[in-house]
Amino acid sequence: MSASKRSILRQPSRRNRTNVEAIKVAVRVRPFSQRELNSSQTCVVSMKDNSTTVQRAGQEPKPFSFDHSYWSHDGFEADASGCLKPTTERYADQERIFTELGQPMVNSSLQGFNGCIFCYGQTSAGKSYTMLGDANNQGLVPRICHALITAMEAQPDSAVEYQLTMSMLEIYNEHVHDLLTSGSSLTECRVRQHPQQGFFAEGLAKVPVTSYADIEVRMNHGTRLRTTAATNMNKTSSRSHMILTLSIKQVFANAAGESTTKTSDLHLVDLAGSERVATAGTEQARLKE
């Protein structure tokens, strides 16, 4: 059995002026889970540069090319705090994932480009770990939020006024819920279509934030409200899609002295896992999901 893989896609709304490709695809191989170790599974995935090869027993190798191929299956150790540190050069830790995928997204957003980054894969593939991480190994979402705030605070041009708002929703069984609602109950939002702005969630809270601490408090609140459940493959499987959107508004004077506004939206998505019903042991409510 292969180590599970998850794909990360980046898609700004229009081509970057530096002529960089607007869509990038990456694949990451995680370590074996305890379930896989107990069943003595064998890794059938290998990586070299940006090429990923799958070779099952008795079959010809199948090579695949991606913009990035990240090996996180082994070659690491945990320090005293629980942070995973590379012991070999090939190991891709959370910092490297952010540097190569997250930081360019932050830069593009400040230039006025819309963007989206998301993970796709079966349940237990490690999507939430890559996107959200844990207390000692932060994922893309908190690192991007922190880098965005830091970049705004470090801007030497005081003539630029920044306004940052945040929204967070989940899509669960075809229902949209606002994860930033106050209290412990979820508010359902209806999906509408605006003639110019496209689809939007009616009534979705858009909260002004001025620091990473603001974002972290609201992000932790939304994560607690998000729907999770246990399956045979994952004890804390994400049963819903989560979308965190950072809306950036920059107000400044142009060369003619006129007030100019530049806006961009950065969507950070943690998708629910796809799965084989028999393998995951899904039934009743889990099957409906």
Protein backbone atom coordinates (compact mmCIF):
# COMPACT_ATOMS: atom_id res chain seq x y z
CA MET A 1 0.00 0.00 0.00
CA SER A 2 1.35 3.43 -0.84
CA ALA A 3 1.78 6.28 1.58
CA SER A 4 -1.22 8.51 1.12
CA LYS A 5 -0.79 11.58 -1.03
CA ARG A 6 -2.48 14.95 -1.05
CA SER A 7 -2.52 17.56 -3.80
CA ILE A 8 -2.24 21.30 -3.29
CA LEU A 9 -3.46 23.66 -6.00
CA ARG A 10 -2.80 27.35 -6.26
CA GLN A 11 -4.99 29.38 -8.59
CA PRO A 12 -4.90 33.18 -8.67
CA SER A 13 -7.84 34.67 -10.57
CA ARG A 14 -5.67 36.03 -13.37
CA ARG A 15 -2.18 35.44 -14.68
CA ASN A 16 0.58 37.01 -12.61
CA ARG A 17 2.22 39.99 -14.28
CA THR A 18 5.61 38.34 -13.83
CA ASN A 19 4.37 35.67 -16.28
CA VAL A 20 4.40 32.97 -13.60
CA GLU A 21 1.98 30.10 -14.20
CA ALA A 22 -1.33 30.78 -12.45
CA ILE A 23 -1.90 27.16 -11.43
CA LYS A 24 0.59 24.99 -9.58
CA VAL A 25 0.05 21.40 -8.44
CA ALA A 26 2.03 19.71 -5.69
CA VAL A 27 1.89 16.23 -4.18
CA ARG A 28 3.05 15.26 -0.70
CA VAL A 29 3.62 11.81 0.79
CA ARG A 30 2.96 11.50 4.51
CA PRO A 31 4.33 8.96 7.02
CA PHE A 32 2.45 5.71 7.57
CA SER A 33 -0.39 5.90 10.06
CA GLN A 34 -0.46 3.54 13.03
CA ARG A 35 -3.12 1.52 11.23
CA GLU A 36 -0.81 1.06 8.24
CA LEU A 37 2.17 0.19 10.44
CA ASN A 38 0.11 -2.42 12.29
CA SER A 39 -0.79 -4.07 9.00
CA SER A 40 2.85 -4.02 7.76
CA GLN A 41 2.18 -1.96 4.67
CA THR A 42 4.96 -1.18 2.17
CA CYS A 43 5.53 2.23 0.61
CA VAL A 44 5.22 2.02 -3.18
CA VAL A 45 5.86 5.72 -3.82
CA SER A 46 9.25 7.20 -4.66
CA MET A 47 10.22 10.76 -5.55
CA LYS A 48 13.06 12.43 -7.41
CA ASP A 49 13.04 16.17 -8.00
CA ASN A 50 9.49 16.97 -9.16
CA SER A 51 8.75 13.45 -10.39
CA THR A 52 6.64 11.01 -8.37
CA THR A 53 6.65 7.30 -9.23
CA VAL A 54 4.18 4.65 -8.06
CA GLN A 55 5.29 1.04 -8.40
CA ARG A 56 3.08 -1.69 -6.98
CA ALA A 57 4.28 -5.26 -6.65
CA GLY A 58 4.30 -7.07 -9.99
CA GLN A 59 3.46 -3.90 -11.96
CA GLU A 60 5.42 -1.50 -14.12
CA PRO A 61 6.38 1.81 -12.47
CA LYS A 62 4.09 4.74 -13.24
CA PRO A 63 5.83 8.13 -13.19
CA PHE A 64 3.96 11.41 -12.69
CA SER A 65 5.27 14.96 -12.98
CA PHE A 66 4.13 17.83 -10.75
CA ASP A 67 5.28 21.37 -10.06
CA HIS A 68 6.41 20.13 -6.64
CA SER A 69 6.89 16.65 -5.17
CA TYR A 70 7.28 16.70 -1.38
CA TRP A 71 8.70 13.72 0.48
CA SER A 72 7.44 13.70 4.09
CA HIS A 73 7.26 9.92 4.56
CA ASP A 74 10.44 9.60 6.63
CA GLY A 75 13.70 11.41 7.36
CA PHE A 76 12.52 13.43 10.36
CA GLU A 77 12.50 13.40 14.14
CA ALA A 78 10.51 15.23 16.81
CA ASP A 79 12.32 17.61 19.14
CA ALA A 80 11.45 18.12 22.81
CA SER A 81 8.55 20.43 21.90
CA GLY A 82 7.06 17.99 19.38
CA CYS A 83 8.16 19.98 16.33
CA LEU A 84 9.17 17.69 13.46
CA LYS A 85 12.70 18.45 12.24
CA PRO A 86 14.36 17.09 9.06
CA THR A 87 17.18 14.58 9.52
CA THR A 88 17.72 14.31 5.75
CA GLU A 89 17.68 16.94 3.01
CA ARG A 90 14.81 15.31 1.15
CA TYR A 91 12.31 15.63 4.01
CA ALA A 92 9.77 18.41 3.38
CA ASP A 93 8.65 19.99 6.66
CA GLN A 94 5.85 22.49 7.23
CA GLU A 95 8.23 25.44 6.87
CA ARG A 96 9.36 24.32 3.42
CA ILE A 97 5.77 23.80 2.26
CA PHE A 98 4.95 27.35 3.34
CA THR A 99 8.09 28.87 1.81
CA GLU A 100 7.49 27.33 -1.61
CA LEU A 101 3.68 27.45 -1.75
CA GLY A 102 2.38 29.84 0.89
CA GLN A 103 4.76 32.79 0.68
CA PRO A 104 4.23 33.31 -3.08
CA MET A 105 0.49 33.40 -2.36
CA VAL A 106 0.99 36.14 0.23
CA ASN A 107 3.10 38.16 -2.22
CA SER A 108 0.50 37.82 -4.98
CA SER A 109 -2.33 38.87 -2.66
CA LEU A 110 -0.51 42.07 -1.68
CA GLN A 111 -0.05 42.80 -5.39
CA GLY A 112 -3.84 42.67 -5.82
CA PHE A 113 -4.27 39.13 -7.20
CA ASN A 114 -7.00 36.80 -5.98
CA GLY A 115 -5.82 33.34 -5.02
CA CYS A 116 -6.87 29.95 -3.71
CA ILE A 117 -4.97 27.06 -2.21
CA PHE A 118 -6.50 23.72 -1.27
CA CYS A 119 -5.71 20.10 -0.49
CA TYR A 120 -7.45 17.10 -2.00
CA GLY A 121 -7.17 13.43 -1.09
CA GLN A 122 -8.82 10.54 0.68
CA THR A 123 -9.62 10.62 4.37
CA SER A 124 -6.52 10.29 6.60
CA ALA A 125 -4.25 11.53 3.77
CA GLY A 126 -3.09 14.45 5.91
CA LYS A 127 -4.93 17.35 4.25
CA SER A 128 -5.79 19.06 7.52
CA TYR A 129 -2.22 18.61 8.75
CA THR A 130 -0.85 20.37 5.67
CA MET A 131 -3.47 23.13 5.77
CA LEU A 132 -3.91 23.65 9.53
CA GLY A 133 -1.15 21.62 11.20
CA ASP A 134 -1.03 21.26 14.97
CA ALA A 135 0.21 23.29 17.94
CA ASN A 136 3.86 22.43 17.27
CA ASN A 137 3.79 22.15 13.49
CA GLN A 138 1.70 24.96 12.04
CA GLY A 139 0.24 24.38 8.58
CA LEU A 140 -0.27 26.67 5.62
CA VAL A 141 -3.32 28.54 6.94
CA PRO A 142 -1.81 29.95 10.16
CA ARG A 143 1.56 30.59 8.50
CA ILE A 144 -0.04 32.47 5.60
CA CYS A 145 -2.17 34.54 7.99
CA HIS A 146 0.86 35.40 10.12
CA ALA A 147 2.99 36.28 7.08
CA LEU A 148 0.25 38.48 5.64
CA ILE A 149 -0.09 40.49 8.86
CA THR A 150 3.68 40.76 9.19
CA ALA A 151 4.02 42.02 5.61
CA MET A 152 1.36 44.67 6.17
CA GLU A 153 2.99 45.89 9.37
CA ALA A 154 6.39 46.02 7.69
CA GLN A 155 5.30 48.21 4.76
CA PRO A 156 7.45 51.38 4.85
CA ASP A 157 4.88 53.40 2.88
CA SER A 158 2.55 54.85 5.51
CA ALA A 159 0.43 56.34 2.73
CA VAL A 160 -1.10 52.89 2.15
CA GLU A 161 -4.07 52.06 4.36
CA TYR A 162 -4.74 48.34 4.83
CA GLN A 163 -8.12 46.87 5.74
CA LEU A 164 -8.29 43.12 6.38
CA THR A 165 -11.46 41.11 6.93
CA MET A 166 -11.90 37.41 7.55
CA SER A 167 -14.69 34.90 6.94
CA MET A 168 -14.85 31.17 7.62
CA LEU A 169 -17.48 28.69 6.49
CA GLU A 170 -18.04 24.98 6.15
CA ILE A 171 -19.99 23.06 3.52
CA TYR A 172 -21.57 19.99 5.12
CA ASN A 173 -24.12 17.74 3.43
CA GLU A 174 -24.84 20.52 0.91
CA HIS A 175 -25.49 23.08 3.65
CA VAL A 176 -23.32 26.16 4.20
CA HIS A 177 -22.59 27.10 7.82
CA ASP A 178 -20.94 30.25 9.17
CA LEU A 179 -18.08 29.12 11.45
CA LEU A 180 -17.52 32.59 12.89
CA THR A 181 -20.96 32.78 14.44
CA SER A 182 -20.99 33.70 18.10
CA GLY A 183 -21.84 30.94 20.56
CA SER A 184 -21.76 27.20 20.00
CA SER A 185 -24.55 26.86 17.40
CA LEU A 186 -23.99 27.18 13.67
CA THR A 187 -25.77 29.68 11.45
CA GLU A 188 -26.82 28.39 8.02
CA CYS A 189 -26.23 30.65 5.02
CA ARG A 190 -28.02 30.51 1.69
CA VAL A 191 -25.95 30.57 -1.49
CA ARG A 192 -26.88 33.47 -3.77
CA GLN A 193 -25.57 34.79 -7.08
CA HIS A 194 -24.66 38.42 -7.65
CA PRO A 195 -24.72 39.64 -11.28
CA GLN A 196 -21.22 41.17 -10.99
CA GLN A 197 -19.56 39.45 -8.02
CA GLY A 198 -20.76 35.88 -8.67
CA PHE A 199 -21.75 33.36 -6.00
CA PHE A 200 -21.69 34.30 -2.32
CA ALA A 201 -23.00 33.04 1.01
CA GLU A 202 -25.79 35.34 2.19
CA GLY A 203 -25.34 36.55 5.76
CA LEU A 204 -21.79 35.20 6.11
CA ALA A 205 -19.93 37.14 8.80
CA LYS A 206 -16.95 39.17 7.57
CA VAL A 207 -14.95 40.15 10.63
CA PRO A 208 -12.33 42.94 10.61
CA VAL A 209 -8.96 41.73 11.95
CA THR A 210 -5.90 43.81 12.77
CA SER A 211 -3.44 41.25 14.14
CA TYR A 212 -2.53 37.59 13.93
CA ALA A 213 -3.93 37.15 17.44
CA ASP A 214 -7.36 38.27 16.14
CA ILE A 215 -7.17 35.75 13.32
CA GLU A 216 -5.96 32.94 15.58
CA VAL A 217 -8.79 33.37 18.10
CA ARG A 218 -11.45 33.31 15.39
CA MET A 219 -9.79 30.48 13.49
CA ASN A 220 -9.64 28.31 16.63
CA HIS A 221 -13.30 29.09 17.33
CA GLY A 222 -14.32 28.08 13.80
CA THR A 223 -12.22 24.91 13.91
CA ARG A 224 -13.96 23.81 17.12
CA LEU A 225 -17.36 24.26 15.45
CA ARG A 226 -16.37 22.35 12.33
CA THR A 227 -17.92 18.93 11.79
CA THR A 228 -15.56 16.01 12.45
CA ALA A 229 -16.18 12.33 13.16
CA ALA A 230 -14.35 9.04 13.42
CA THR A 231 -14.00 6.50 10.62
CA ASN A 232 -11.97 3.30 10.42
CA MET A 233 -9.24 5.25 8.63
CA ASN A 234 -9.18 8.46 10.69
CA LYS A 235 -10.29 9.13 14.28
CA THR A 236 -10.83 12.85 13.60
CA SER A 237 -11.88 12.86 9.96
CA SER A 238 -13.02 16.23 8.58
CA ARG A 239 -16.56 15.60 7.38
CA SER A 240 -17.03 19.03 5.82
CA HIS A 241 -15.24 21.40 3.46
CA MET A 242 -13.80 24.45 5.22
CA ILE A 243 -13.09 27.75 3.46
CA LEU A 244 -11.27 30.58 5.22
CA THR A 245 -11.21 33.80 3.19
CA LEU A 246 -8.98 36.80 3.86
CA SER A 247 -10.15 39.93 2.04
CA ILE A 248 -7.44 42.55 1.62
CA LYS A 249 -8.25 46.17 0.80
CA GLN A 250 -5.48 48.69 0.10
CA VAL A 251 -6.26 52.41 -0.19
CA PHE A 252 -3.54 54.72 -1.49
CA ALA A 253 -2.93 57.74 -3.72
CA ASN A 254 -1.85 57.07 -7.31
CA ALA A 255 0.68 59.08 -9.32
CA ALA A 256 -1.97 61.71 -10.07
CA GLY A 257 -2.79 62.10 -6.38
CA GLU A 258 -6.16 60.37 -6.75
CA SER A 259 -7.39 57.94 -4.12
CA THR A 260 -7.07 54.37 -5.44
CA THR A 261 -8.38 51.13 -4.01
CA LYS A 262 -6.87 47.70 -4.65
CA THR A 263 -8.65 44.59 -3.38
CA SER A 264 -7.92 40.87 -3.37
CA ASP A 265 -9.38 37.73 -1.82
CA LEU A 266 -7.28 34.85 -0.56
CA HIS A 267 -9.20 31.57 -0.14
CA LEU A 268 -7.65 28.83 2.02
CA VAL A 269 -9.54 25.55 1.70
CA ASP A 270 -9.40 22.30 3.68
CA LEU A 271 -11.53 19.78 1.82
CA ALA A 272 -13.33 16.83 3.36
CA GLY A 273 -11.73 13.50 2.54
CA SER A 274 -12.88 11.26 -0.26
CA GLU A 275 -13.01 7.61 0.69
CA ARG A 276 -14.01 4.09 -0.19
CA VAL A 277 -17.08 3.25 1.86
CA ALA A 278 -15.99 -0.30 2.70
CA THR A 279 -12.45 0.68 3.73
CA ALA A 280 -13.48 3.65 5.84
CA GLY A 281 -16.35 1.78 7.47
CA THR A 282 -18.82 4.55 6.73
CA GLU A 283 -22.46 3.86 7.50
CA GLN A 284 -25.61 5.74 8.47
CA ALA A 285 -24.62 9.42 9.01
CA ARG A 286 -21.06 8.86 7.73
CA LEU A 287 -22.43 7.17 4.58
CA LYS A 288 -24.78 10.08 3.93
CA GLU A 289 -21.83 12.46 4.13
